Structures are given as structure tokens and as C-alpha cells.
Amino acid sequence: MHELRNNARRRTLKAGRIIFNDRFSVIDCTVRNLSDTGACLEVASIIGIPDAFDLNIEADQPGRHCHVAWRTERRIGVAFR
């Protein structure tokens, strides 16, 4: 498969939090891979997750604002803004 990303992603297994709705809504996720420009997130369900949100990754500060590039049943590809 031809790689379309500008930056190679590194495999990882970190806890993350999807934060939206003026910080009132939080969904736990697992960061499966990560680069300077985006990430792949694994969630229990993509239902209710908006097209743009903040992502906090365990032990990494500050959070990153991102938008959804693609979705499957349990994974979301995001690009950092």
C-alpha cells in the first residue's frame, strides 16, 4: 500500500482522552499510532464523536486540537491542527 501521510507514524499504546462540548464531554481512547501531524485512535464506539475535538494523551502536555480524517467502526484517524 502506498503511504499518503507526510510524516511516518510511530506505533504506540497510550491512554488518551477525546474532549469536546466546551470540555463537558470526555471519551477515553487508546492512541495506536502517532506522528507530529496526526494519530490513530481506538474507541469503544465512534457514535457521538464530533469531527473536531481536543485530544489529551497521557503524560503528554498540552492537548492537541484535531479533526477527523477517517473513521471505521472502532478507530478514528485524526490530523492535528
PDB file of N, CA and C in Angstrom:
ATOM      1  N   MET A   1       0.834  -1.175   0.000  1.00  0.00           N
ATOM      2  CA  MET A   1       0.000   0.000   0.000  1.00  0.00           C
ATOM      3  C   MET A   1       0.881   1.241   0.000  1.00  0.00           C
ATOM      4  N   HIS A   2       0.511   2.235  -0.770  1.00  0.00           N
ATOM      5  CA  HIS A   2       1.254   3.484  -0.850  1.00  0.00           C
ATOM      6  C   HIS A   2       0.912   4.375   0.341  1.00  0.00           C
ATOM      7  N   GLU A   3       1.915   4.890   1.024  1.00  0.00           N
ATOM      8  CA  GLU A   3       1.736   5.761   2.192  1.00  0.00           C
ATOM      9  C   GLU A   3       1.391   7.172   1.729  1.00  0.00           C
ATOM     10  N   LEU A   4       0.241   7.700   2.205  1.00  0.00           N
ATOM     11  CA  LEU A   4      -0.204   9.028   1.805  1.00  0.00           C
ATOM     12  C   LEU A   4       0.161  10.100   2.828  1.00  0.00           C
ATOM     13  N   ARG A   5       0.603   9.715   4.000  1.00  0.00           N
ATOM     14  CA  ARG A   5       0.928  10.685   5.041  1.00  0.00           C
ATOM     15  C   ARG A   5       2.258  11.368   4.759  1.00  0.00           C
ATOM     16  N   ASN A   6       2.362  12.633   5.207  1.00  0.00           N
ATOM     17  CA  ASN A   6       3.608  13.374   5.066  1.00  0.00           C
ATOM     18  C   ASN A   6       4.635  12.953   6.115  1.00  0.00           C
ATOM     19  N   ASN A   7       4.175  12.544   7.291  1.00  0.00           N
ATOM     20  CA  ASN A   7       5.054  12.121   8.371  1.00  0.00           C
ATOM     21  C   ASN A   7       4.738  10.685   8.741  1.00  0.00           C
ATOM     22  N   ALA A   8       5.770   9.858   8.888  1.00  0.00           N
ATOM     23  CA  ALA A   8       5.569   8.470   9.284  1.00  0.00           C
ATOM     24  C   ALA A   8       5.043   8.411  10.714  1.00  0.00           C
ATOM     25  N   ARG A   9       4.111   7.507  10.944  1.00  0.00           N
ATOM     26  CA  ARG A   9       3.552   7.346  12.284  1.00  0.00           C
ATOM     27  C   ARG A   9       4.333   6.274  13.036  1.00  0.00           C
ATOM     28  N   ARG A  10       4.455   6.491  14.344  1.00  0.00           N
ATOM     29  CA  ARG A  10       5.129   5.536  15.219  1.00  0.00           C
ATOM     30  C   ARG A  10       4.070   4.759  15.994  1.00  0.00           C
ATOM     31  N   ARG A  11       4.216   3.443  16.039  1.00  0.00           N
ATOM     32  CA  ARG A  11       3.294   2.638  16.834  1.00  0.00           C
ATOM     33  C   ARG A  11       3.429   3.020  18.300  1.00  0.00           C
ATOM     34  N   THR A  12       2.289   3.072  18.975  1.00  0.00           N
ATOM     35  CA  THR A  12       2.290   3.407  20.393  1.00  0.00           C
ATOM     36  C   THR A  12       1.076   2.760  21.032  1.00  0.00           C
ATOM     37  N   LEU A  13       1.033   2.772  22.314  1.00  0.00           N
ATOM     38  CA  LEU A  13      -0.104   2.249  23.064  1.00  0.00           C
ATOM     39  C   LEU A  13      -0.248   3.113  24.312  1.00  0.00           C
ATOM     40  N   LYS A  14      -0.880   4.286  24.116  1.00  0.00           N
ATOM     41  CA  LYS A  14      -1.023   5.244  25.201  1.00  0.00           C
ATOM     42  C   LYS A  14      -2.494   5.532  25.454  1.00  0.00           C
ATOM     43  N   ALA A  15      -2.810   5.855  26.693  1.00  0.00           N
ATOM     44  CA  ALA A  15      -4.168   6.258  27.039  1.00  0.00           C
ATOM     45  C   ALA A  15      -4.390   7.689  26.575  1.00  0.00           C
ATOM     46  N   GLY A  16      -5.570   7.957  26.061  1.00  0.00           N
ATOM     47  CA  GLY A  16      -5.904   9.297  25.617  1.00  0.00           C
ATOM     48  C   GLY A  16      -7.333   9.649  25.992  1.00  0.00           C
ATOM     49  N   ARG A  17      -7.649  10.927  25.837  1.00  0.00           N
ATOM     50  CA  ARG A  17      -9.000  11.403  26.096  1.00  0.00           C
ATOM     51  C   ARG A  17      -9.425  12.350  24.987  1.00  0.00           C
ATOM     52  N   ILE A  18     -10.592  12.081  24.424  1.00  0.00           N
ATOM     53  CA  ILE A  18     -11.213  12.947  23.431  1.00  0.00           C
ATOM     54  C   ILE A  18     -12.101  13.914  24.211  1.00  0.00           C
ATOM     55  N   ILE A  19     -11.856  15.205  24.042  1.00  0.00           N
ATOM     56  CA  ILE A  19     -12.559  16.218  24.830  1.00  0.00           C
ATOM     57  C   ILE A  19     -13.263  17.188  23.885  1.00  0.00           C
ATOM     58  N   PHE A  20     -14.566  17.389  24.121  1.00  0.00           N
ATOM     59  CA  PHE A  20     -15.346  18.289  23.278  1.00  0.00           C
ATOM     60  C   PHE A  20     -16.517  18.851  24.067  1.00  0.00           C
ATOM     61  N   ASN A  21     -17.370  19.627  23.394  1.00  0.00           N
ATOM     62  CA  ASN A  21     -18.540  20.221  24.026  1.00  0.00           C
ATOM     63  C   ASN A  21     -18.127  21.142  25.175  1.00  0.00           C
ATOM     64  N   ASP A  22     -17.206  22.063  24.862  1.00  0.00           N
ATOM     65  CA  ASP A  22     -16.681  23.013  25.859  1.00  0.00           C
ATOM     66  C   ASP A  22     -16.129  22.305  27.091  1.00  0.00           C
ATOM     67  N   ARG A  23     -15.473  21.173  26.868  1.00  0.00           N
ATOM     68  CA  ARG A  23     -14.795  20.387  27.906  1.00  0.00           C
ATOM     69  C   ARG A  23     -15.762  19.658  28.834  1.00  0.00           C
ATOM     70  N   PHE A  24     -17.060  19.606  28.479  1.00  0.00           N
ATOM     71  CA  PHE A  24     -18.037  18.889  29.297  1.00  0.00           C
ATOM     72  C   PHE A  24     -18.133  17.411  28.921  1.00  0.00           C
ATOM     73  N   SER A  25     -17.695  17.049  27.734  1.00  0.00           N
ATOM     74  CA  SER A  25     -17.777  15.667  27.274  1.00  0.00           C
ATOM     75  C   SER A  25     -16.382  15.093  27.096  1.00  0.00           C
ATOM     76  N   VAL A  26     -16.165  13.908  27.664  1.00  0.00           N
ATOM     77  CA  VAL A  26     -14.869  13.236  27.589  1.00  0.00           C
ATOM     78  C   VAL A  26     -15.099  11.772  27.231  1.00  0.00           C
ATOM     79  N   ILE A  27     -14.344  11.283  26.246  1.00  0.00           N
ATOM     80  CA  ILE A  27     -14.395   9.884  25.842  1.00  0.00           C
ATOM     81  C   ILE A  27     -12.980   9.331  25.914  1.00  0.00           C
ATOM     82  N   ASP A  28     -12.806   8.236  26.631  1.00  0.00           N
ATOM     83  CA  ASP A  28     -11.498   7.590  26.713  1.00  0.00           C
ATOM     84  C   ASP A  28     -11.174   6.904  25.390  1.00  0.00           C
ATOM     85  N   CYS A  29      -9.897   6.892  25.049  1.00  0.00           N
ATOM     86  CA  CYS A  29      -9.450   6.230  23.830  1.00  0.00           C
ATOM     87  C   CYS A  29      -8.047   5.672  24.046  1.00  0.00           C
ATOM     88  N   THR A  30      -7.605   4.887  23.094  1.00  0.00           N
ATOM     89  CA  THR A  30      -6.238   4.379  23.075  1.00  0.00           C
ATOM     90  C   THR A  30      -5.562   4.915  21.825  1.00  0.00           C
ATOM     91  N   VAL A  31      -4.412   5.532  21.987  1.00  0.00           N
ATOM     92  CA  VAL A  31      -3.642   6.047  20.853  1.00  0.00           C
ATOM     93  C   VAL A  31      -2.816   4.882  20.312  1.00  0.00           C
ATOM     94  N   ARG A  32      -3.125   4.450  19.089  1.00  0.00           N
ATOM     95  CA  ARG A  32      -2.476   3.278  18.494  1.00  0.00           C
ATOM     96  C   ARG A  32      -1.229   3.642  17.699  1.00  0.00           C
ATOM     97  N   ASN A  33      -1.228   4.815  17.056  1.00  0.00           N
ATOM     98  CA  ASN A  33      -0.019   5.313  16.408  1.00  0.00           C
ATOM     99  C   ASN A  33      -0.055   6.824  16.423  1.00  0.00           C
ATOM    100  N   LEU A  34       1.132   7.428  16.246  1.00  0.00           N
ATOM    101  CA  LEU A  34       1.255   8.859  16.483  1.00  0.00           C
ATOM    102  C   LEU A  34       2.374   9.431  15.622  1.00  0.00           C
ATOM    103  N   SER A  35       2.153  10.650  15.122  1.00  0.00           N
ATOM    104  CA  SER A  35       3.204  11.398  14.428  1.00  0.00           C
ATOM    105  C   SER A  35       3.086  12.844  14.851  1.00  0.00           C
ATOM    106  N   ASP A  36       3.917  13.697  14.285  1.00  0.00           N
ATOM    107  CA  ASP A  36       3.828  15.120  14.585  1.00  0.00           C
ATOM    108  C   ASP A  36       2.556  15.738  14.019  1.00  0.00           C
ATOM    109  N   THR A  37       1.956  15.091  13.028  1.00  0.00           N
ATOM    110  CA  THR A  37       0.808  15.690  12.346  1.00  0.00           C
ATOM    111  C   THR A  37      -0.513  14.967  12.572  1.00  0.00           C
ATOM    112  N   GLY A  38      -0.516  13.811  13.244  1.00  0.00           N
ATOM    113  CA  GLY A  38      -1.774  13.101  13.447  1.00  0.00           C
ATOM    114  C   GLY A  38      -1.628  11.833  14.259  1.00  0.00           C
ATOM    115  N   ALA A  39      -2.744  11.105  14.378  1.00  0.00           N
ATOM    116  CA  ALA A  39      -2.760   9.895  15.197  1.00  0.00           C
ATOM    117  C   ALA A  39      -3.900   8.983  14.766  1.00  0.00           C
ATOM    118  N   CYS A  40      -3.820   7.737  15.201  1.00  0.00           N
ATOM    119  CA  CYS A  40      -4.903   6.780  15.048  1.00  0.00           C
ATOM    120  C   CYS A  40      -5.396   6.458  16.453  1.00  0.00           C
ATOM    121  N   LEU A  41      -6.697   6.630  16.676  1.00  0.00           N
ATOM    122  CA  LEU A  41      -7.295   6.427  17.985  1.00  0.00           C
ATOM    123  C   LEU A  41      -8.240   5.236  17.942  1.00  0.00           C
ATOM    124  N   GLU A  42      -8.214   4.420  18.961  1.00  0.00           N
ATOM    125  CA  GLU A  42      -9.151   3.315  19.093  1.00  0.00           C
ATOM    126  C   GLU A  42     -10.146   3.662  20.185  1.00  0.00           C
ATOM    127  N   VAL A  43     -11.439   3.504  19.886  1.00  0.00           N
ATOM    128  CA  VAL A  43     -12.506   3.839  20.829  1.00  0.00           C
ATOM    129  C   VAL A  43     -13.495   2.681  20.905  1.00  0.00           C
ATOM    130  N   ALA A  44     -14.321   2.686  21.956  1.00  0.00           N
ATOM    131  CA  ALA A  44     -15.349   1.653  22.087  1.00  0.00           C
ATOM    132  C   ALA A  44     -16.389   1.791  20.975  1.00  0.00           C
ATOM    133  N   SER A  45     -16.720   3.041  20.616  1.00  0.00           N
ATOM    134  CA  SER A  45     -17.673   3.321  19.551  1.00  0.00           C
ATOM    135  C   SER A  45     -17.412   4.729  19.031  1.00  0.00           C
ATOM    136  N   ILE A  46     -17.577   4.924  17.735  1.00  0.00           N
ATOM    137  CA  ILE A  46     -17.384   6.257  17.160  1.00  0.00           C
ATOM    138  C   ILE A  46     -18.643   7.112  17.264  1.00  0.00           C
ATOM    139  N   ILE A  47     -19.737   6.523  17.691  1.00  0.00           N
ATOM    140  CA  ILE A  47     -21.006   7.246  17.781  1.00  0.00           C
ATOM    141  C   ILE A  47     -20.880   8.407  18.765  1.00  0.00           C
ATOM    142  N   GLY A  48     -21.256   9.578  18.319  1.00  0.00           N
ATOM    143  CA  GLY A  48     -21.251  10.762  19.164  1.00  0.00           C
ATOM    144  C   GLY A  48     -19.954  11.545  19.169  1.00  0.00           C
ATOM    145  N   ILE A  49     -18.933  11.038  18.493  1.00  0.00           N
ATOM    146  CA  ILE A  49     -17.661  11.757  18.449  1.00  0.00           C
ATOM    147  C   ILE A  49     -17.712  12.763  17.297  1.00  0.00           C
ATOM    148  N   PRO A  50     -17.510  14.059  17.597  1.00  0.00           N
ATOM    149  CA  PRO A  50     -17.623  15.088  16.557  1.00  0.00           C
ATOM    150  C   PRO A  50     -16.443  15.078  15.588  1.00  0.00           C
ATOM    151  N   ASP A  51     -16.540  15.883  14.542  1.00  0.00           N
ATOM    152  CA  ASP A  51     -15.494  15.966  13.516  1.00  0.00           C
ATOM    153  C   ASP A  51     -14.250  16.713  13.994  1.00  0.00           C
ATOM    154  N   ALA A  52     -14.370  17.517  15.049  1.00  0.00           N
ATOM    155  CA  ALA A  52     -13.227  18.245  15.612  1.00  0.00           C
ATOM    156  C   ALA A  52     -13.319  18.184  17.130  1.00  0.00           C
ATOM    157  N   PHE A  53     -12.167  18.017  17.782  1.00  0.00           N
ATOM    158  CA  PHE A  53     -12.123  17.910  19.241  1.00  0.00           C
ATOM    159  C   PHE A  53     -10.704  18.113  19.716  1.00  0.00           C
ATOM    160  N   ASP A  54     -10.520  18.181  21.027  1.00  0.00           N
ATOM    161  CA  ASP A  54      -9.190  18.229  21.627  1.00  0.00           C
ATOM    162  C   ASP A  54      -8.811  16.826  22.048  1.00  0.00           C
ATOM    163  N   LEU A  55      -7.544  16.489  21.904  1.00  0.00           N
ATOM    164  CA  LEU A  55      -7.031  15.183  22.298  1.00  0.00           C
ATOM    165  C   LEU A  55      -5.949  15.379  23.342  1.00  0.00           C
ATOM    166  N   ASN A  56      -6.151  14.784  24.502  1.00  0.00           N
ATOM    167  CA  ASN A  56      -5.117  14.761  25.539  1.00  0.00           C
ATOM    168  C   ASN A  56      -4.555  13.348  25.588  1.00  0.00           C
ATOM    169  N   ILE A  57      -3.242  13.250  25.523  1.00  0.00           N
ATOM    170  CA  ILE A  57      -2.566  11.961  25.582  1.00  0.00           C
ATOM    171  C   ILE A  57      -1.857  11.863  26.917  1.00  0.00           C
ATOM    172  N   GLU A  58      -2.048  10.738  27.589  1.00  0.00           N
ATOM    173  CA  GLU A  58      -1.458  10.523  28.906  1.00  0.00           C
ATOM    174  C   GLU A  58       0.015  10.915  28.922  1.00  0.00           C
ATOM    175  N   ALA A  59       0.376  11.724  29.896  1.00  0.00           N
ATOM    176  CA  ALA A  59       1.757  12.165  30.129  1.00  0.00           C
ATOM    177  C   ALA A  59       2.285  13.136  29.073  1.00  0.00           C
ATOM    178  N   ASP A  60       1.488  13.474  28.089  1.00  0.00           N
ATOM    179  CA  ASP A  60       1.908  14.449  27.083  1.00  0.00           C
ATOM    180  C   ASP A  60       1.110  15.728  27.298  1.00  0.00           C
ATOM    181  N   GLN A  61       1.775  16.838  27.416  1.00  0.00           N
ATOM    182  CA  GLN A  61       1.092  18.111  27.590  1.00  0.00           C
ATOM    183  C   GLN A  61       1.633  19.086  26.574  1.00  0.00           C
ATOM    184  N   PRO A  62       0.920  20.024  26.088  1.00  0.00           N
ATOM    185  CA  PRO A  62      -0.517  20.205  26.279  1.00  0.00           C
ATOM    186  C   PRO A  62      -1.313  19.332  25.319  1.00  0.00           C
ATOM    187  N   GLY A  63      -2.633  19.409  25.403  1.00  0.00           N
ATOM    188  CA  GLY A  63      -3.506  18.683  24.485  1.00  0.00           C
ATOM    189  C   GLY A  63      -3.392  19.248  23.083  1.00  0.00           C
ATOM    190  N   ARG A  64      -3.888  18.506  22.122  1.00  0.00           N
ATOM    191  CA  ARG A  64      -3.826  18.925  20.719  1.00  0.00           C
ATOM    192  C   ARG A  64      -5.237  19.042  20.161  1.00  0.00           C
ATOM    193  N   HIS A  65      -5.484  20.107  19.393  1.00  0.00           N
ATOM    194  CA  HIS A  65      -6.763  20.221  18.697  1.00  0.00           C
ATOM    195  C   HIS A  65      -6.628  19.438  17.391  1.00  0.00           C
ATOM    196  N   CYS A  66      -7.633  18.643  17.062  1.00  0.00           N
ATOM    197  CA  CYS A  66      -7.532  17.836  15.853  1.00  0.00           C
ATOM    198  C   CYS A  66      -8.887  17.719  15.159  1.00  0.00           C
ATOM    199  N   HIS A  67      -8.841  17.262  13.917  1.00  0.00           N
ATOM    200  CA  HIS A  67     -10.062  16.994  13.162  1.00  0.00           C
ATOM    201  C   HIS A  67      -9.960  15.592  12.566  1.00  0.00           C
ATOM    202  N   VAL A  68     -11.111  14.984  12.376  1.00  0.00           N
ATOM    203  CA  VAL A  68     -11.186  13.601  11.909  1.00  0.00           C
ATOM    204  C   VAL A  68     -10.884  13.543  10.412  1.00  0.00           C
ATOM    205  N   ALA A  69      -9.966  12.657  10.031  1.00  0.00           N
ATOM    206  CA  ALA A  69      -9.629  12.435   8.623  1.00  0.00           C
ATOM    207  C   ALA A  69     -10.369  11.207   8.077  1.00  0.00           C
ATOM    208  N   TRP A  70     -10.579  10.204   8.932  1.00  0.00           N
ATOM    209  CA  TRP A  70     -11.298   8.992   8.531  1.00  0.00           C
ATOM    210  C   TRP A  70     -11.835   8.285   9.777  1.00  0.00           C
ATOM    211  N   ARG A  71     -12.794   7.399   9.576  1.00  0.00           N
ATOM    212  CA  ARG A  71     -13.409   6.625  10.670  1.00  0.00           C
ATOM    213  C   ARG A  71     -13.691   5.208  10.201  1.00  0.00           C
ATOM    214  N   THR A  72     -13.539   4.263  11.118  1.00  0.00           N
ATOM    215  CA  THR A  72     -14.062   2.911  10.935  1.00  0.00           C
ATOM    216  C   THR A  72     -14.927   2.632  12.161  1.00  0.00           C
ATOM    217  N   GLU A  73     -15.348   1.418  12.329  1.00  0.00           N
ATOM    218  CA  GLU A  73     -16.247   1.086  13.441  1.00  0.00           C
ATOM    219  C   GLU A  73     -15.655   1.405  14.807  1.00  0.00           C
ATOM    220  N   ARG A  74     -14.345   1.186  14.991  1.00  0.00           N
ATOM    221  CA  ARG A  74     -13.724   1.400  16.301  1.00  0.00           C
ATOM    222  C   ARG A  74     -12.464   2.255  16.257  1.00  0.00           C
ATOM    223  N   ARG A  75     -12.132   2.779  15.100  1.00  0.00           N
ATOM    224  CA  ARG A  75     -10.911   3.601  15.002  1.00  0.00           C
ATOM    225  C   ARG A  75     -11.199   4.908  14.296  1.00  0.00           C
ATOM    226  N   ILE A  76     -10.400   5.924  14.685  1.00  0.00           N
ATOM    227  CA  ILE A  76     -10.514   7.253  14.098  1.00  0.00           C
ATOM    228  C   ILE A  76      -9.115   7.727  13.743  1.00  0.00           C
ATOM    229  N   GLY A  77      -8.934   8.183  12.522  1.00  0.00           N
ATOM    230  CA  GLY A  77      -7.689   8.824  12.119  1.00  0.00           C
ATOM    231  C   GLY A  77      -7.866  10.325  12.248  1.00  0.00           C
ATOM    232  N   VAL A  78      -6.953  10.977  12.946  1.00  0.00           N
ATOM    233  CA  VAL A  78      -7.074  12.428  13.145  1.00  0.00           C
ATOM    234  C   VAL A  78      -5.819  13.141  12.661  1.00  0.00           C
ATOM    235  N   ALA A  79      -6.034  14.378  12.219  1.00  0.00           N
ATOM    236  CA  ALA A  79      -4.932  15.272  11.853  1.00  0.00           C
ATOM    237  C   ALA A  79      -4.908  16.395  12.867  1.00  0.00           C
ATOM    238  N   PHE A  80      -3.729  16.742  13.336  1.00  0.00           N
ATOM    239  CA  PHE A  80      -3.594  17.831  14.293  1.00  0.00           C
ATOM    240  C   PHE A  80      -3.654  19.156  13.557  1.00  0.00           C
ATOM    241  N   ARG A  81      -4.277  20.136  14.193  1.00  0.00           N
ATOM    242  CA  ARG A  81      -4.364  21.474  13.597  1.00  0.00           C
ATOM    243  C   ARG A  81      -3.286  22.346  14.155  1.00  0.00           C
TER     244      ARG A  81
END
